[in-house]
Amino acid sequence: MPAIVHFEVRIDPARRDEAAKYLAETLAATRAWPGNQGIEALVDDADPCHILVVETWATTQDHDDYAAWRTTPEGKSTLGEILAAPPSKQVYSETLPLGL
């Protein structure tokens, strides 16, 4: 099963107009990483500064390799410059058989 990653960010309201630029720059490298199968940035209807990035990865290991790269000087992103709080991340790689 592919791994689905939810990456939640809260943009500083004073920097909201810059969010698309910063996200596009950061997520271009994410999308280009081997194993990334797609990426989408969803804006919360109730709070336009709350963004949920949904990433699809071929394997959890592909995502883990990417996440490790992001901790290196080469993988460092500027997204943190516009965040109001630290981001959160959840990785989903197992499903429950619902029999539906």
Protein backbone atom coordinates (compact mmCIF):
# COMPACT_ATOMS: atom_id res chain seq x y z
CA MET A 1 0.00 0.00 0.00
CA PRO A 2 1.21 3.51 -0.69
CA ALA A 3 1.97 5.76 2.26
CA ILE A 4 -0.25 8.82 2.69
CA VAL A 5 1.33 11.70 4.59
CA HIS A 6 -0.62 14.57 6.13
CA PHE A 7 1.59 17.57 6.79
CA GLU A 8 -0.27 20.35 8.60
CA VAL A 9 1.00 23.90 8.70
CA ARG A 10 -0.29 27.09 10.26
CA ILE A 11 0.74 30.18 8.36
CA ASP A 12 1.44 33.42 10.18
CA PRO A 13 -1.60 35.59 9.25
CA ALA A 14 0.73 38.49 8.44
CA ARG A 15 2.45 36.25 5.85
CA ARG A 16 -0.67 34.59 4.38
CA ASP A 17 -0.27 36.30 1.00
CA GLU A 18 3.15 34.64 0.65
CA ALA A 19 1.98 31.12 1.49
CA ALA A 20 1.49 29.90 -2.09
CA LYS A 21 4.98 31.05 -3.10
CA TYR A 22 6.71 29.40 -0.14
CA LEU A 23 4.67 26.20 -0.42
CA ALA A 24 5.27 25.93 -4.16
CA GLU A 25 9.03 26.32 -3.69
CA THR A 26 9.12 23.74 -0.89
CA LEU A 27 6.73 21.26 -2.44
CA ALA A 28 8.41 21.29 -5.86
CA ALA A 29 11.34 19.44 -4.25
CA THR A 30 8.91 17.11 -2.49
CA ARG A 31 7.12 16.27 -5.73
CA ALA A 32 10.42 15.65 -7.53
CA TRP A 33 11.66 13.20 -4.88
CA PRO A 34 11.79 9.55 -6.02
CA GLY A 35 8.67 7.70 -4.89
CA ASN A 36 6.44 10.75 -4.54
CA GLN A 37 3.27 10.00 -6.48
CA GLY A 38 1.35 13.21 -5.87
CA ILE A 39 0.89 16.19 -3.64
CA GLU A 40 -1.94 18.56 -2.85
CA ALA A 41 -2.29 21.58 -0.54
CA LEU A 42 -5.76 21.98 0.98
CA VAL A 43 -6.91 25.20 2.64
CA ASP A 44 -9.18 24.94 5.68
CA ASP A 45 -12.55 26.60 4.91
CA ALA A 46 -12.77 27.93 8.48
CA ASP A 47 -9.16 29.15 8.70
CA PRO A 48 -7.26 30.11 5.53
CA CYS A 49 -3.98 30.07 7.48
CA HIS A 50 -4.41 26.34 8.20
CA ILE A 51 -3.08 24.27 5.31
CA LEU A 52 -3.12 20.49 5.02
CA VAL A 53 -0.57 19.10 2.57
CA VAL A 54 -1.48 15.59 1.44
CA GLU A 55 1.38 13.58 -0.06
CA THR A 56 1.19 10.13 -1.63
CA TRP A 57 4.35 8.01 -1.57
CA ALA A 58 5.02 4.67 -3.25
CA THR A 59 6.43 3.34 0.04
CA THR A 60 6.97 4.49 3.59
CA GLN A 61 10.71 4.10 2.98
CA ASP A 62 10.51 6.60 0.09
CA HIS A 63 8.98 9.12 2.46
CA ASP A 64 11.46 8.32 5.23
CA ASP A 65 14.36 8.90 2.81
CA TYR A 66 12.84 12.23 1.78
CA ALA A 67 12.22 13.26 5.41
CA ALA A 68 15.85 12.45 6.27
CA TRP A 69 17.02 14.60 3.35
CA ARG A 70 14.94 17.52 4.67
CA THR A 71 17.09 17.50 7.84
CA THR A 72 20.28 18.14 5.83
CA PRO A 73 21.60 21.54 4.78
CA GLU A 74 20.79 20.64 1.15
CA GLY A 75 17.20 19.73 2.01
CA LYS A 76 16.47 22.66 4.29
CA SER A 77 13.37 24.60 3.28
CA THR A 78 12.45 28.25 3.84
CA LEU A 79 8.84 27.36 4.71
CA GLY A 80 9.55 27.85 8.42
CA GLU A 81 9.92 31.59 7.79
CA ILE A 82 6.15 32.02 7.37
CA LEU A 83 4.83 29.53 9.94
CA ALA A 84 2.97 30.61 13.06
CA ALA A 85 3.61 27.26 14.80
CA PRO A 86 5.64 24.11 14.24
CA PRO A 87 4.15 21.81 11.59
CA SER A 88 2.72 18.41 12.40
CA LYS A 89 2.96 15.24 10.35
CA GLN A 90 1.10 11.94 10.28
CA VAL A 91 2.00 8.96 8.10
CA TYR A 92 -0.65 6.40 7.13
CA SER A 93 0.49 3.17 5.49
CA GLU A 94 -1.98 0.61 6.75
CA THR A 95 -5.71 0.26 6.15
CA LEU A 96 -8.45 -1.40 8.15
CA PRO A 97 -10.36 -4.03 6.22
CA LEU A 98 -13.92 -2.72 6.39
CA GLY A 99 -15.51 -5.27 4.12
CA LEU A 100 -17.50 -2.62 2.29
